[in-house]
Protein backbone atom coordinates (compact mmCIF):
# COMPACT_ATOMS: atom_id res chain seq x y z
CA MET A 1 -21.68 -5.67 -5.02
CA LEU A 2 -20.92 -3.01 -2.41
CA SER A 3 -21.29 -5.62 0.31
CA LEU A 4 -18.63 -7.78 -1.32
CA VAL A 5 -16.27 -4.86 -1.99
CA SER A 6 -16.48 -3.61 1.60
CA ARG A 7 -15.28 -6.96 2.98
CA ASP A 8 -11.83 -6.25 1.49
CA TRP A 9 -11.12 -3.45 3.98
CA TRP A 10 -8.52 -5.61 5.77
CA VAL A 11 -6.14 -5.49 2.77
CA TYR A 12 -5.86 -1.71 3.09
CA ALA A 13 -5.55 -1.93 6.86
CA VAL A 14 -2.63 -4.39 6.63
CA ARG A 15 -0.90 -2.31 3.97
CA GLY A 16 -1.47 0.90 5.94
CA ILE A 17 -0.22 -0.50 9.23
CA ALA A 18 2.87 -1.99 7.54
CA ALA A 19 3.65 1.36 5.88
CA ILE A 20 3.18 3.31 9.13
CA LEU A 21 5.40 0.92 11.12
CA PHE A 22 8.05 1.07 8.41
CA GLY A 23 7.85 4.88 8.38
CA ILE A 24 8.15 5.13 12.16
CA MET A 25 11.26 2.93 12.16
CA ALA A 26 12.82 4.97 9.38
CA LEU A 27 12.12 8.26 11.20
CA ILE A 28 13.18 7.09 14.67
CA TRP A 29 16.46 5.57 13.49
CA PRO A 30 17.64 7.77 10.61
CA GLY A 31 21.28 6.98 11.18
CA PRO A 32 21.31 3.20 10.63
CA THR A 33 23.44 1.68 7.96
CA LEU A 34 22.22 1.11 4.43
CA ALA A 35 21.80 -2.58 5.20
CA VAL A 36 19.21 -1.82 7.90
CA LEU A 37 17.30 0.50 5.57
CA VAL A 38 17.38 -2.13 2.84
CA LEU A 39 16.06 -4.78 5.24
CA LEU A 40 13.28 -2.51 6.54
CA PHE A 41 12.21 -1.57 3.03
CA GLY A 42 12.44 -5.19 1.84
CA ALA A 43 10.29 -6.39 4.75
CA TYR A 44 7.68 -3.70 4.06
CA ALA A 45 7.55 -4.41 0.31
CA PHE A 46 7.20 -8.14 1.05
CA VAL A 47 4.29 -7.68 3.50
CA ASP A 48 2.57 -5.31 1.09
CA GLY A 49 2.98 -7.71 -1.86
CA VAL A 50 1.89 -10.78 0.09
CA ALA A 51 -1.25 -9.01 1.41
CA LEU A 52 -2.28 -8.18 -2.15
CA LEU A 53 -1.61 -11.70 -3.46
CA VAL A 54 -3.48 -13.27 -0.52
CA ALA A 55 -6.46 -11.07 -1.36
CA LEU A 56 -6.22 -12.24 -4.97
CA ALA A 57 -5.88 -15.92 -3.99
CA ARG A 58 -8.82 -15.69 -1.58
CA GLY A 59 -10.92 -14.27 -4.37
CA ASP A 60 -11.70 -11.06 -2.50
CA VAL A 61 -13.94 -8.91 -4.66
CA LEU A 62 -11.61 -5.96 -5.17
CA ALA A 63 -8.76 -8.29 -6.03
CA ARG A 64 -10.94 -10.43 -8.29
CA SER A 65 -12.49 -7.50 -10.15
CA HIS A 66 -9.04 -5.91 -10.61
CA LYS A 67 -6.98 -9.06 -11.07
CA TRP A 68 -4.25 -7.60 -13.23
CA ILE A 69 -3.73 -4.53 -11.03
CA THR A 70 -3.78 -6.52 -7.78
CA GLY A 71 -1.58 -9.28 -9.16
CA LEU A 72 0.91 -6.84 -10.67
CA MET A 73 1.11 -4.74 -7.48
CA GLY A 74 1.53 -7.86 -5.32
CA ALA A 75 4.13 -9.45 -7.58
CA LEU A 76 6.03 -6.17 -7.92
CA GLY A 77 6.18 -5.78 -4.13
CA ILE A 78 7.54 -9.30 -3.67
CA VAL A 79 10.09 -8.98 -6.51
CA VAL A 80 11.36 -5.67 -5.12
CA ALA A 81 11.55 -7.24 -1.63
CA ILE A 82 13.55 -10.20 -2.93
CA VAL A 83 15.95 -7.97 -4.88
CA THR A 84 16.55 -5.75 -1.85
CA LEU A 85 17.01 -8.69 0.53
CA VAL A 86 19.19 -10.84 -1.76
CA TRP A 87 21.56 -7.97 -2.61
CA PRO A 88 21.75 -5.89 0.58
CA GLY A 89 25.16 -4.54 -0.38
CA MET A 90 23.68 -2.33 -3.10
CA THR A 91 24.89 1.23 -3.19
CA ALA A 92 22.67 3.97 -1.86
CA LEU A 93 22.06 5.26 -5.37
CA THR A 94 20.90 1.84 -6.59
CA LEU A 95 18.55 1.53 -3.64
CA LEU A 96 17.31 5.05 -4.24
CA TYR A 97 16.37 4.29 -7.85
CA LEU A 98 14.85 0.93 -6.91
CA VAL A 99 12.64 2.63 -4.31
CA ALA A 100 11.79 5.44 -6.77
CA ILE A 101 10.73 3.08 -9.57
CA TRP A 102 8.71 0.95 -7.17
CA ALA A 103 6.95 3.99 -5.64
CA ILE A 104 6.06 5.49 -9.03
CA ALA A 105 4.78 2.15 -10.37
CA MET A 106 2.72 1.52 -7.23
CA GLY A 107 1.28 5.03 -7.40
CA ILE A 108 0.24 4.64 -11.03
CA LEU A 109 -1.34 1.25 -10.34
CA GLN A 110 -3.12 2.59 -7.26
CA ILE A 111 -4.60 5.50 -9.23
CA ALA A 112 -5.72 3.03 -11.93
CA ALA A 113 -7.43 0.99 -9.20
CA ALA A 114 -9.11 4.15 -7.85
CA ILE A 115 -10.57 4.85 -11.28
CA GLU A 116 -12.17 1.42 -11.14
CA PHE A 117 -13.26 1.89 -7.49
CA ARG A 118 -15.31 4.97 -8.34
CA ARG A 119 -17.94 2.65 -9.83
CA GLU A 120 -18.19 0.59 -6.66
CA ILE A 121 -17.65 2.88 -3.67
CA ASN A 122 -17.54 6.50 -2.65
CA GLY A 123 -14.32 7.57 -1.01
CA GLU A 124 -11.84 6.47 -3.64
CA PHE A 125 -10.13 9.75 -2.77
CA PHE A 126 -7.92 7.93 -0.26
CA VAL A 127 -6.76 5.47 -2.91
CA VAL A 128 -5.94 8.35 -5.29
CA LEU A 129 -4.20 10.23 -2.47
CA GLY A 130 -1.98 7.24 -1.69
CA GLY A 131 -1.15 6.90 -5.39
CA ILE A 132 -0.29 10.59 -5.68
CA PHE A 133 1.94 10.42 -2.59
CA SER A 134 3.78 7.46 -4.12
CA ILE A 135 4.30 9.16 -7.49
CA VAL A 136 5.48 12.43 -5.91
CA PHE A 137 7.82 10.56 -3.57
CA GLY A 138 9.31 8.46 -6.40
CA SER A 139 9.67 11.53 -8.62
CA LEU A 140 11.47 13.48 -5.88
CA LEU A 141 13.94 10.63 -5.50
CA VAL A 142 14.64 10.62 -9.25
CA VAL A 143 14.97 14.41 -9.49
CA PHE A 144 17.16 14.79 -6.38
CA PRO A 145 19.25 11.59 -6.21
CA GLY A 146 22.28 13.22 -4.60
CA THR A 147 20.60 14.28 -1.37
CA GLY A 148 22.31 11.52 0.57
CA LEU A 149 21.23 8.50 2.53
CA LEU A 150 19.94 10.43 5.54
CA SER A 151 17.63 12.43 3.31
CA LEU A 152 16.51 9.19 1.67
CA VAL A 153 15.69 7.72 5.07
CA TRP A 154 13.61 10.79 5.99
CA LEU A 155 11.87 10.85 2.60
CA VAL A 156 11.09 7.15 2.84
CA GLY A 157 9.80 7.59 6.39
CA PHE A 158 7.51 10.51 5.54
CA TRP A 159 6.25 8.85 2.38
CA ALA A 160 5.47 5.62 4.27
CA GLU A 161 3.53 7.56 6.91
CA LEU A 162 1.43 9.43 4.32
CA PHE A 163 0.82 6.31 2.26
CA GLY A 164 0.00 4.30 5.39
CA PHE A 165 -2.54 6.80 6.71
CA SER A 166 -4.22 7.09 3.31
CA SER A 167 -4.48 3.28 3.19
CA LEU A 168 -5.98 3.24 6.69
CA GLY A 169 -8.44 5.92 5.53
CA ILE A 170 -9.81 3.71 2.77
CA ALA A 171 -9.80 0.68 5.13
CA TYR A 172 -11.83 2.66 7.67
CA ARG A 173 -14.28 3.74 4.97
CA LEU A 174 -14.70 0.21 3.63
CA HIS A 175 -15.03 -1.24 7.15
CA GLY A 176 -17.78 1.28 7.95
CA ILE A 177 -19.64 0.34 4.78
CA ASP A 178 -19.28 -3.35 5.62
CA ARG A 179 -20.53 -2.79 9.18
CA ASP A 180 -23.54 -0.75 7.98
CA LEU A 181 -24.45 -3.33 5.35
CA ASN A 182 -24.24 -6.14 7.93
CA LYS A 183 -26.55 -4.19 10.30
CA HIS A 184 -29.12 -3.71 7.52
CA SER A 185 -28.87 -7.36 6.54
CA SER A 186 -29.39 -8.50 10.15
CA ALA A 187 -32.37 -6.16 10.57
CA ARG A 188 -33.98 -7.55 7.38
CA LYS A 189 -33.48 -11.11 8.56
CA LEU A 190 -35.13 -10.30 11.91
CA SER A 191 -38.06 -8.58 10.13
CA SER A 192 -38.63 -11.48 7.79
CA ALA A 193 -38.41 -14.01 10.65
CA ALA A 194 -41.08 -12.13 12.62
């Protein structure tokens, strides 16, 4: 089972890289208009959602064993992306609450997935960490909605960086497990052939 689970490392890598790139853009260009922020966030949410749904459609083990979580997270990402891209003229406050709700929901779902992961791999800490970052970020947006668009851009940027690096952490861990299992499998095949 561990061999099958470790093959799904690429999903976390794609999600992590997308979050980090989104965070870098938000931090480098904090003064863009709301439309640019909406487009950046919409693009990130879309990539994140599609990566999860592709994993589910491919039948990747983590996606298959957690169908409802993976499907819900993927669909939620795509729906949020569509809403943000179809209505880019939303006010900053509407965007703020949309991002907050999405971040809290993703964090809760990610922690639920981590609870399931603990049976299959060690290192679910990174999944929990990403979920906690998302919940804290979403909660801060709800509690302090009047901080202004520039603060939102910085918060979004920092959250995306933290979430992205935690996703890359779990991808690295899963990739290492996959690599080690493939080495052991190759060594056994060579031993049995000799």
